[in-house]
């Protein structure tokens, strides 16, 4: 059976570094998402502290990949079918 992977976008933050911000995003996602298979760093940004200067907070936006379980795949297919059927009913008049 082929794997089905879902991708979600998460933003992590850290006062220390971009790497720690990305790690925070993954660790937080792992609390509620199982089967995380990979992560792609999309963007990095930071806020600046005007007094005394320097970077206040590092932010890293990541895409987190996780394999869907069989029940999740069935729910996804059923949801898409309902959306497709709803669209057909709305536009068949």
PDB file of N, CA and C in Angstrom:
ATOM      1  N   UNK A   1       0.846  -1.175   0.000  1.00  0.00           N
ATOM      2  CA  UNK A   1       0.000   0.000   0.000  1.00  0.00           C
ATOM      3  C   UNK A   1       0.894   1.241   0.000  1.00  0.00           C
ATOM      4  N   UNK A   2       0.556   2.225  -0.819  1.00  0.00           N
ATOM      5  CA  UNK A   2       1.331   3.462  -0.902  1.00  0.00           C
ATOM      6  C   UNK A   2       1.081   4.324   0.324  1.00  0.00           C
ATOM      7  N   UNK A   3       2.110   5.049   0.717  1.00  0.00           N
ATOM      8  CA  UNK A   3       1.958   5.982   1.834  1.00  0.00           C
ATOM      9  C   UNK A   3       1.302   7.266   1.353  1.00  0.00           C
ATOM     10  N   UNK A   4       0.514   7.845   2.198  1.00  0.00           N
ATOM     11  CA  UNK A   4      -0.075   9.152   1.942  1.00  0.00           C
ATOM     12  C   UNK A   4       0.482  10.080   3.010  1.00  0.00           C
ATOM     13  N   UNK A   5       1.038  11.198   2.582  1.00  0.00           N
ATOM     14  CA  UNK A   5       1.672  12.137   3.504  1.00  0.00           C
ATOM     15  C   UNK A   5       0.907  13.451   3.477  1.00  0.00           C
ATOM     16  N   UNK A   6       0.650  13.987   4.648  1.00  0.00           N
ATOM     17  CA  UNK A   6       0.009  15.296   4.786  1.00  0.00           C
ATOM     18  C   UNK A   6       1.083  16.286   5.223  1.00  0.00           C
ATOM     19  N   UNK A   7       0.985  17.513   4.733  1.00  0.00           N
ATOM     20  CA  UNK A   7       1.958  18.550   5.082  1.00  0.00           C
ATOM     21  C   UNK A   7       1.221  19.690   5.779  1.00  0.00           C
ATOM     22  N   UNK A   8       1.748  20.106   6.932  1.00  0.00           N
ATOM     23  CA  UNK A   8       1.195  21.257   7.634  1.00  0.00           C
ATOM     24  C   UNK A   8       2.302  22.294   7.804  1.00  0.00           C
ATOM     25  N   UNK A   9       1.923  23.532   7.905  1.00  0.00           N
ATOM     26  CA  UNK A   9       2.887  24.615   8.096  1.00  0.00           C
ATOM     27  C   UNK A   9       2.799  25.093   9.543  1.00  0.00           C
ATOM     28  N   UNK A  10       3.962  25.189  10.181  1.00  0.00           N
ATOM     29  CA  UNK A  10       4.042  25.579  11.582  1.00  0.00           C
ATOM     30  C   UNK A  10       5.142  26.623  11.727  1.00  0.00           C
ATOM     31  N   UNK A  11       4.941  27.598  12.621  1.00  0.00           N
ATOM     32  CA  UNK A  11       5.962  28.607  12.909  1.00  0.00           C
ATOM     33  C   UNK A  11       6.436  28.413  14.340  1.00  0.00           C
ATOM     34  N   UNK A  12       7.744  28.202  14.486  1.00  0.00           N
ATOM     35  CA  UNK A  12       8.341  28.073  15.808  1.00  0.00           C
ATOM     36  C   UNK A  12       9.129  29.326  16.137  1.00  0.00           C
ATOM     37  N   UNK A  13       9.324  29.591  17.431  1.00  0.00           N
ATOM     38  CA  UNK A  13      10.092  30.774  17.824  1.00  0.00           C
ATOM     39  C   UNK A  13      11.040  30.410  18.961  1.00  0.00           C
ATOM     40  N   UNK A  14      12.122  31.199  19.056  1.00  0.00           N
ATOM     41  CA  UNK A  14      13.113  30.994  20.102  1.00  0.00           C
ATOM     42  C   UNK A  14      13.884  32.296  20.300  1.00  0.00           C
ATOM     43  N   UNK A  15      14.262  32.597  21.526  1.00  0.00           N
ATOM     44  CA  UNK A  15      15.105  33.774  21.759  1.00  0.00           C
ATOM     45  C   UNK A  15      16.575  33.497  21.440  1.00  0.00           C
ATOM     46  N   UNK A  16      16.904  32.215  21.103  1.00  0.00           N
ATOM     47  CA  UNK A  16      18.305  31.834  20.948  1.00  0.00           C
ATOM     48  C   UNK A  16      18.806  31.693  19.515  1.00  0.00           C
ATOM     49  N   UNK A  17      18.035  31.006  18.620  1.00  0.00           N
ATOM     50  CA  UNK A  17      18.536  30.770  17.259  1.00  0.00           C
ATOM     51  C   UNK A  17      17.420  30.296  16.331  1.00  0.00           C
ATOM     52  N   UNK A  18      17.699  30.353  15.012  1.00  0.00           N
ATOM     53  CA  UNK A  18      16.753  29.824  14.034  1.00  0.00           C
ATOM     54  C   UNK A  18      16.606  28.313  14.189  1.00  0.00           C
ATOM     55  N   UNK A  19      17.720  27.630  14.458  1.00  0.00           N
ATOM     56  CA  UNK A  19      17.676  26.174  14.621  1.00  0.00           C
ATOM     57  C   UNK A  19      16.783  25.787  15.799  1.00  0.00           C
ATOM     58  N   UNK A  20      16.908  26.506  16.887  1.00  0.00           N
ATOM     59  CA  UNK A  20      16.072  26.194  18.058  1.00  0.00           C
ATOM     60  C   UNK A  20      14.609  26.535  17.791  1.00  0.00           C
ATOM     61  N   UNK A  21      14.362  27.558  16.976  1.00  0.00           N
ATOM     62  CA  UNK A  21      12.979  27.890  16.610  1.00  0.00           C
ATOM     63  C   UNK A  21      12.371  26.762  15.777  1.00  0.00           C
ATOM     64  N   UNK A  22      13.136  26.201  14.827  1.00  0.00           N
ATOM     65  CA  UNK A  22      12.648  25.082  14.018  1.00  0.00           C
ATOM     66  C   UNK A  22      12.413  23.861  14.900  1.00  0.00           C
ATOM     67  N   UNK A  23      13.343  23.604  15.814  1.00  0.00           N
ATOM     68  CA  UNK A  23      13.204  22.471  16.726  1.00  0.00           C
ATOM     69  C   UNK A  23      11.958  22.623  17.600  1.00  0.00           C
ATOM     70  N   UNK A  24      11.688  23.831  18.045  1.00  0.00           N
ATOM     71  CA  UNK A  24      10.495  24.096  18.865  1.00  0.00           C
ATOM     72  C   UNK A  24       9.223  23.819  18.059  1.00  0.00           C
ATOM     73  N   UNK A  25       9.217  24.196  16.782  1.00  0.00           N
ATOM     74  CA  UNK A  25       8.055  23.929  15.928  1.00  0.00           C
ATOM     75  C   UNK A  25       7.799  22.425  15.821  1.00  0.00           C
ATOM     76  N   UNK A  26       8.867  21.656  15.605  1.00  0.00           N
ATOM     77  CA  UNK A  26       8.722  20.203  15.474  1.00  0.00           C
ATOM     78  C   UNK A  26       8.296  19.574  16.800  1.00  0.00           C
ATOM     79  N   UNK A  27       8.938  19.965  17.888  1.00  0.00           N
ATOM     80  CA  UNK A  27       8.602  19.378  19.196  1.00  0.00           C
ATOM     81  C   UNK A  27       7.154  19.683  19.595  1.00  0.00           C
ATOM     82  N   UNK A  28       6.695  20.877  19.283  1.00  0.00           N
ATOM     83  CA  UNK A  28       5.306  21.231  19.595  1.00  0.00           C
ATOM     84  C   UNK A  28       4.348  20.418  18.729  1.00  0.00           C
ATOM     85  N   UNK A  29       4.666  20.268  17.440  1.00  0.00           N
ATOM     86  CA  UNK A  29       3.816  19.484  16.544  1.00  0.00           C
ATOM     87  C   UNK A  29       3.757  18.026  16.995  1.00  0.00           C
ATOM     88  N   UNK A  30       4.875  17.495  17.493  1.00  0.00           N
ATOM     89  CA  UNK A  30       4.912  16.096  17.932  1.00  0.00           C
ATOM     90  C   UNK A  30       3.984  15.816  19.106  1.00  0.00           C
ATOM     91  N   UNK A  31       3.553  16.839  19.802  1.00  0.00           N
ATOM     92  CA  UNK A  31       2.635  16.629  20.927  1.00  0.00           C
ATOM     93  C   UNK A  31       1.256  16.191  20.460  1.00  0.00           C
ATOM     94  N   UNK A  32       0.884  16.569  19.234  1.00  0.00           N
ATOM     95  CA  UNK A  32      -0.453  16.246  18.741  1.00  0.00           C
ATOM     96  C   UNK A  32      -0.460  15.492  17.414  1.00  0.00           C
ATOM     97  N   UNK A  33       0.672  15.400  16.753  1.00  0.00           N
ATOM     98  CA  UNK A  33       0.736  14.745  15.445  1.00  0.00           C
ATOM     99  C   UNK A  33       1.672  13.547  15.524  1.00  0.00           C
ATOM    100  N   UNK A  34       1.178  12.409  15.066  1.00  0.00           N
ATOM    101  CA  UNK A  34       2.000  11.197  15.029  1.00  0.00           C
ATOM    102  C   UNK A  34       2.614  11.022  13.648  1.00  0.00           C
ATOM    103  N   UNK A  35       3.611  10.186  13.577  1.00  0.00           N
ATOM    104  CA  UNK A  35       4.215   9.758  12.315  1.00  0.00           C
ATOM    105  C   UNK A  35       4.843  10.897  11.514  1.00  0.00           C
ATOM    106  N   UNK A  36       5.495  11.840  12.195  1.00  0.00           N
ATOM    107  CA  UNK A  36       6.203  12.905  11.485  1.00  0.00           C
ATOM    108  C   UNK A  36       7.387  12.268  10.775  1.00  0.00           C
ATOM    109  N   UNK A  37       7.469  12.505   9.462  1.00  0.00           N
ATOM    110  CA  UNK A  37       8.511  11.871   8.652  1.00  0.00           C
ATOM    111  C   UNK A  37       9.582  12.843   8.171  1.00  0.00           C
ATOM    112  N   UNK A  38       9.303  14.132   8.211  1.00  0.00           N
ATOM    113  CA  UNK A  38      10.293  15.093   7.743  1.00  0.00           C
ATOM    114  C   UNK A  38       9.847  16.516   7.971  1.00  0.00           C
ATOM    115  N   UNK A  39      10.793  17.428   7.765  1.00  0.00           N
ATOM    116  CA  UNK A  39      10.516  18.848   7.942  1.00  0.00           C
ATOM    117  C   UNK A  39      11.328  19.632   6.914  1.00  0.00           C
ATOM    118  N   UNK A  40      10.711  20.644   6.328  1.00  0.00           N
ATOM    119  CA  UNK A  40      11.389  21.548   5.400  1.00  0.00           C
ATOM    120  C   UNK A  40      11.308  22.957   5.960  1.00  0.00           C
ATOM    121  N   UNK A  41      12.448  23.617   6.073  1.00  0.00           N
ATOM    122  CA  UNK A  41      12.454  25.010   6.518  1.00  0.00           C
ATOM    123  C   UNK A  41      12.054  25.870   5.325  1.00  0.00           C
ATOM    124  N   UNK A  42      11.009  26.669   5.514  1.00  0.00           N
ATOM    125  CA  UNK A  42      10.481  27.506   4.439  1.00  0.00           C
ATOM    126  C   UNK A  42      11.034  28.924   4.529  1.00  0.00           C
ATOM    127  N   UNK A  43      10.894  29.550   5.682  1.00  0.00           N
ATOM    128  CA  UNK A  43      11.405  30.909   5.862  1.00  0.00           C
ATOM    129  C   UNK A  43      11.952  31.085   7.265  1.00  0.00           C
ATOM    130  N   UNK A  44      12.788  32.087   7.396  1.00  0.00           N
ATOM    131  CA  UNK A  44      13.306  32.482   8.705  1.00  0.00           C
ATOM    132  C   UNK A  44      13.143  33.996   8.815  1.00  0.00           C
ATOM    133  N   UNK A  45      12.740  34.447   9.996  1.00  0.00           N
ATOM    134  CA  UNK A  45      12.594  35.876  10.247  1.00  0.00           C
ATOM    135  C   UNK A  45      12.914  36.136  11.705  1.00  0.00           C
ATOM    136  N   UNK A  46      12.981  37.404  12.060  1.00  0.00           N
ATOM    137  CA  UNK A  46      13.306  37.737  13.450  1.00  0.00           C
ATOM    138  C   UNK A  46      12.690  39.082  13.799  1.00  0.00           C
ATOM    139  N   UNK A  47      12.446  39.257  15.095  1.00  0.00           N
ATOM    140  CA  UNK A  47      12.044  40.566  15.594  1.00  0.00           C
ATOM    141  C   UNK A  47      13.265  41.194  16.260  1.00  0.00           C
ATOM    142  N   UNK A  48      13.317  42.508  16.208  1.00  0.00           N
ATOM    143  CA  UNK A  48      14.475  43.231  16.737  1.00  0.00           C
ATOM    144  C   UNK A  48      14.072  44.009  17.969  1.00  0.00           C
ATOM    145  N   UNK A  49      14.924  43.936  18.971  1.00  0.00           N
ATOM    146  CA  UNK A  49      14.722  44.684  20.213  1.00  0.00           C
ATOM    147  C   UNK A  49      15.397  46.043  20.052  1.00  0.00           C
ATOM    148  N   UNK A  50      14.629  47.149  20.044  1.00  0.00           N
ATOM    149  CA  UNK A  50      15.224  48.467  19.833  1.00  0.00           C
ATOM    150  C   UNK A  50      16.126  48.911  20.991  1.00  0.00           C
ATOM    151  N   UNK A  51      15.870  48.413  22.175  1.00  0.00           N
ATOM    152  CA  UNK A  51      16.687  48.758  23.343  1.00  0.00           C
ATOM    153  C   UNK A  51      17.142  47.490  24.019  1.00  0.00           C
ATOM    154  N   UNK A  52      18.285  47.054  24.021  1.00  0.00           N
ATOM    155  CA  UNK A  52      19.557  47.633  23.611  1.00  0.00           C
ATOM    156  C   UNK A  52      19.944  47.296  22.182  1.00  0.00           C
ATOM    157  N   UNK A  53      19.037  46.741  21.390  1.00  0.00           N
ATOM    158  CA  UNK A  53      19.359  46.364  20.013  1.00  0.00           C
ATOM    159  C   UNK A  53      19.570  44.870  19.906  1.00  0.00           C
ATOM    160  N   UNK A  54      19.719  44.418  18.705  1.00  0.00           N
ATOM    161  CA  UNK A  54      19.935  42.995  18.468  1.00  0.00           C
ATOM    162  C   UNK A  54      18.622  42.255  18.249  1.00  0.00           C
ATOM    163  N   UNK A  55      18.754  40.978  17.995  1.00  0.00           N
ATOM    164  CA  UNK A  55      17.581  40.147  17.720  1.00  0.00           C
ATOM    165  C   UNK A  55      16.894  39.764  19.027  1.00  0.00           C
ATOM    166  N   UNK A  56      15.586  39.990  19.033  1.00  0.00           N
ATOM    167  CA  UNK A  56      14.778  39.678  20.212  1.00  0.00           C
ATOM    168  C   UNK A  56      14.243  38.248  20.138  1.00  0.00           C
ATOM    169  N   UNK A  57      13.744  37.859  18.950  1.00  0.00           N
ATOM    170  CA  UNK A  57      13.139  36.535  18.787  1.00  0.00           C
ATOM    171  C   UNK A  57      13.379  36.033  17.372  1.00  0.00           C
ATOM    172  N   UNK A  58      13.851  34.789  17.260  1.00  0.00           N
ATOM    173  CA  UNK A  58      14.032  34.125  15.973  1.00  0.00           C
ATOM    174  C   UNK A  58      12.765  33.357  15.652  1.00  0.00           C
ATOM    175  N   UNK A  59      12.331  33.396  14.386  1.00  0.00           N
ATOM    176  CA  UNK A  59      11.139  32.666  13.957  1.00  0.00           C
ATOM    177  C   UNK A  59      11.483  31.838  12.727  1.00  0.00           C
ATOM    178  N   UNK A  60      11.055  30.596  12.735  1.00  0.00           N
ATOM    179  CA  UNK A  60      11.289  29.704  11.608  1.00  0.00           C
ATOM    180  C   UNK A  60       9.964  29.075  11.190  1.00  0.00           C
ATOM    181  N   UNK A  61       9.626  29.242   9.916  1.00  0.00           N
ATOM    182  CA  UNK A  61       8.423  28.629   9.359  1.00  0.00           C
ATOM    183  C   UNK A  61       8.842  27.317   8.709  1.00  0.00           C
ATOM    184  N   UNK A  62       8.177  26.231   9.103  1.00  0.00           N
ATOM    185  CA  UNK A  62       8.526  24.911   8.580  1.00  0.00           C
ATOM    186  C   UNK A  62       7.293  24.183   8.069  1.00  0.00           C
ATOM    187  N   UNK A  63       7.495  23.372   7.042  1.00  0.00           N
ATOM    188  CA  UNK A  63       6.469  22.433   6.605  1.00  0.00           C
ATOM    189  C   UNK A  63       6.796  21.103   7.240  1.00  0.00           C
ATOM    190  N   UNK A  64       5.842  20.531   7.938  1.00  0.00           N
ATOM    191  CA  UNK A  64       6.034  19.264   8.626  1.00  0.00           C
ATOM    192  C   UNK A  64       5.243  18.191   7.888  1.00  0.00           C
ATOM    193  N   UNK A  65       5.944  17.118   7.493  1.00  0.00           N
ATOM    194  CA  UNK A  65       5.324  16.002   6.779  1.00  0.00           C
ATOM    195  C   UNK A  65       4.993  14.905   7.778  1.00  0.00           C
ATOM    196  N   UNK A  66       3.795  14.354   7.659  1.00  0.00           N
ATOM    197  CA  UNK A  66       3.466  13.196   8.488  1.00  0.00           C
ATOM    198  C   UNK A  66       2.603  12.228   7.703  1.00  0.00           C
ATOM    199  N   UNK A  67       2.910  10.940   7.885  1.00  0.00           N
ATOM    200  CA  UNK A  67       2.182   9.884   7.185  1.00  0.00           C
ATOM    201  C   UNK A  67       0.793   9.733   7.800  1.00  0.00           C
ATOM    202  N   UNK A  68      -0.206   9.652   6.935  1.00  0.00           N
ATOM    203  CA  UNK A  68      -1.573   9.461   7.417  1.00  0.00           C
ATOM    204  C   UNK A  68      -1.822   7.995   7.721  1.00  0.00           C
ATOM    205  N   UNK A  69      -2.573   7.748   8.779  1.00  0.00           N
ATOM    206  CA  UNK A  69      -2.994   6.403   9.138  1.00  0.00           C
ATOM    207  C   UNK A  69      -4.162   6.010   8.234  1.00  0.00           C
ATOM    208  N   UNK A  70      -4.484   4.737   8.185  1.00  0.00           N
ATOM    209  CA  UNK A  70      -5.554   4.244   7.328  1.00  0.00           C
ATOM    210  C   UNK A  70      -6.863   4.973   7.618  1.00  0.00           C
ATOM    211  N   UNK A  71      -7.240   5.127   8.885  1.00  0.00           N
ATOM    212  CA  UNK A  71      -8.500   5.800   9.235  1.00  0.00           C
ATOM    213  C   UNK A  71      -8.488   7.252   8.767  1.00  0.00           C
ATOM    214  N   UNK A  72      -7.338   7.921   8.875  1.00  0.00           N
ATOM    215  CA  UNK A  72      -7.249   9.310   8.415  1.00  0.00           C
ATOM    216  C   UNK A  72      -7.405   9.389   6.901  1.00  0.00           C
ATOM    217  N   UNK A  73      -6.846   8.408   6.181  1.00  0.00           N
ATOM    218  CA  UNK A  73      -6.982   8.389   4.721  1.00  0.00           C
ATOM    219  C   UNK A  73      -8.437   8.198   4.325  1.00  0.00           C
ATOM    220  N   UNK A  74      -9.139   7.304   5.030  1.00  0.00           N
ATOM    221  CA  UNK A  74     -10.559   7.067   4.741  1.00  0.00           C
ATOM    222  C   UNK A  74     -11.354   8.345   5.000  1.00  0.00           C
ATOM    223  N   UNK A  75     -11.079   9.029   6.107  1.00  0.00           N
ATOM    224  CA  UNK A  75     -11.757  10.291   6.407  1.00  0.00           C
ATOM    225  C   UNK A  75     -11.478  11.336   5.342  1.00  0.00           C
ATOM    226  N   UNK A  76     -10.237  11.419   4.872  1.00  0.00           N
ATOM    227  CA  UNK A  76      -9.863  12.382   3.845  1.00  0.00           C
ATOM    228  C   UNK A  76     -10.611  12.120   2.550  1.00  0.00           C
ATOM    229  N   UNK A  77     -10.683  10.850   2.135  1.00  0.00           N
ATOM    230  CA  UNK A  77     -11.407  10.490   0.914  1.00  0.00           C
ATOM    231  C   UNK A  77     -12.888  10.792   1.075  1.00  0.00           C
ATOM    232  N   UNK A  78     -13.468  10.447   2.226  1.00  0.00           N
ATOM    233  CA  UNK A  78     -14.889  10.705   2.462  1.00  0.00           C
ATOM    234  C   UNK A  78     -15.179  12.205   2.439  1.00  0.00           C
ATOM    235  N   UNK A  79     -14.294  12.995   3.022  1.00  0.00           N
ATOM    236  CA  UNK A  79     -14.471  14.457   3.038  1.00  0.00           C
ATOM    237  C   UNK A  79     -14.433  15.005   1.613  1.00  0.00           C
ATOM    238  N   UNK A  80     -13.479  14.545   0.819  1.00  0.00           N
ATOM    239  CA  UNK A  80     -13.392  15.015  -0.571  1.00  0.00           C
ATOM    240  C   UNK A  80     -14.612  14.594  -1.370  1.00  0.00           C
ATOM    241  N   UNK A  81     -15.121  13.393  -1.127  1.00  0.00           N
ATOM    242  CA  UNK A  81     -16.320  12.937  -1.813  1.00  0.00           C
ATOM    243  C   UNK A  81     -17.509  13.822  -1.456  1.00  0.00           C
ATOM    244  N   UNK A  82     -17.672  14.122  -0.159  1.00  0.00           N
ATOM    245  CA  UNK A  82     -18.774  14.991   0.265  1.00  0.00           C
ATOM    246  C   UNK A  82     -18.667  16.366  -0.387  1.00  0.00           C
ATOM    247  N   UNK A  83     -17.452  16.930  -0.436  1.00  0.00           N
ATOM    248  CA  UNK A  83     -17.265  18.236  -1.070  1.00  0.00           C
ATOM    249  C   UNK A  83     -17.610  18.179  -2.561  1.00  0.00           C
ATOM    250  N   UNK A  84     -17.177  17.114  -3.220  1.00  0.00           N
ATOM    251  CA  UNK A  84     -17.457  16.957  -4.645  1.00  0.00           C
ATOM    252  C   UNK A  84     -18.961  16.813  -4.879  1.00  0.00           C
ATOM    253  N   UNK A  85     -19.609  16.000  -4.058  1.00  0.00           N
ATOM    254  CA  UNK A  85     -21.068  15.795  -4.200  1.00  0.00           C
ATOM    255  C   UNK A  85     -21.825  17.089  -3.923  1.00  0.00           C
ATOM    256  N   UNK A  86     -21.416  17.828  -2.908  1.00  0.00           N
ATOM    257  CA  UNK A  86     -22.048  19.106  -2.579  1.00  0.00           C
ATOM    258  C   UNK A  86     -21.920  20.065  -3.773  1.00  0.00           C
ATOM    259  N   UNK A  87     -20.742  20.109  -4.373  1.00  0.00           N
ATOM    260  CA  UNK A  87     -20.499  20.964  -5.539  1.00  0.00           C
ATOM    261  C   UNK A  87     -21.416  20.551  -6.692  1.00  0.00           C
ATOM    262  N   UNK A  88     -21.552  19.242  -6.915  1.00  0.00           N
ATOM    263  CA  UNK A  88     -22.434  18.754  -7.988  1.00  0.00           C
ATOM    264  C   UNK A  88     -23.879  19.184  -7.742  1.00  0.00           C
ATOM    265  N   UNK A  89     -24.334  19.054  -6.501  1.00  0.00           N
ATOM    266  CA  UNK A  89     -25.712  19.410  -6.185  1.00  0.00           C
ATOM    267  C   UNK A  89     -25.963  20.904  -6.336  1.00  0.00           C
ATOM    268  N   UNK A  90     -25.001  21.712  -5.948  1.00  0.00           N
ATOM    269  CA  UNK A  90     -25.166  23.169  -6.044  1.00  0.00           C
ATOM    270  C   UNK A  90     -25.180  23.662  -7.473  1.00  0.00           C
ATOM    271  N   UNK A  91     -24.445  22.975  -8.342  1.00  0.00           N
ATOM    272  CA  UNK A  91     -24.300  23.464  -9.714  1.00  0.00           C
ATOM    273  C   UNK A  91     -25.090  22.645 -10.725  1.00  0.00           C
ATOM    274  N   UNK A  92     -26.006  21.804 -10.276  1.00  0.00           N
ATOM    275  CA  UNK A  92     -26.788  20.982 -11.204  1.00  0.00           C
ATOM    276  C   UNK A  92     -28.113  21.630 -11.558  1.00  0.00           C
ATOM    277  N   UNK A  93     -28.405  22.767 -10.975  1.00  0.00           N
ATOM    278  CA  UNK A  93     -29.701  23.410 -11.231  1.00  0.00           C
ATOM    279  C   UNK A  93     -29.798  24.006 -12.602  1.00  0.00           C
TER     280      UNK A  93
END
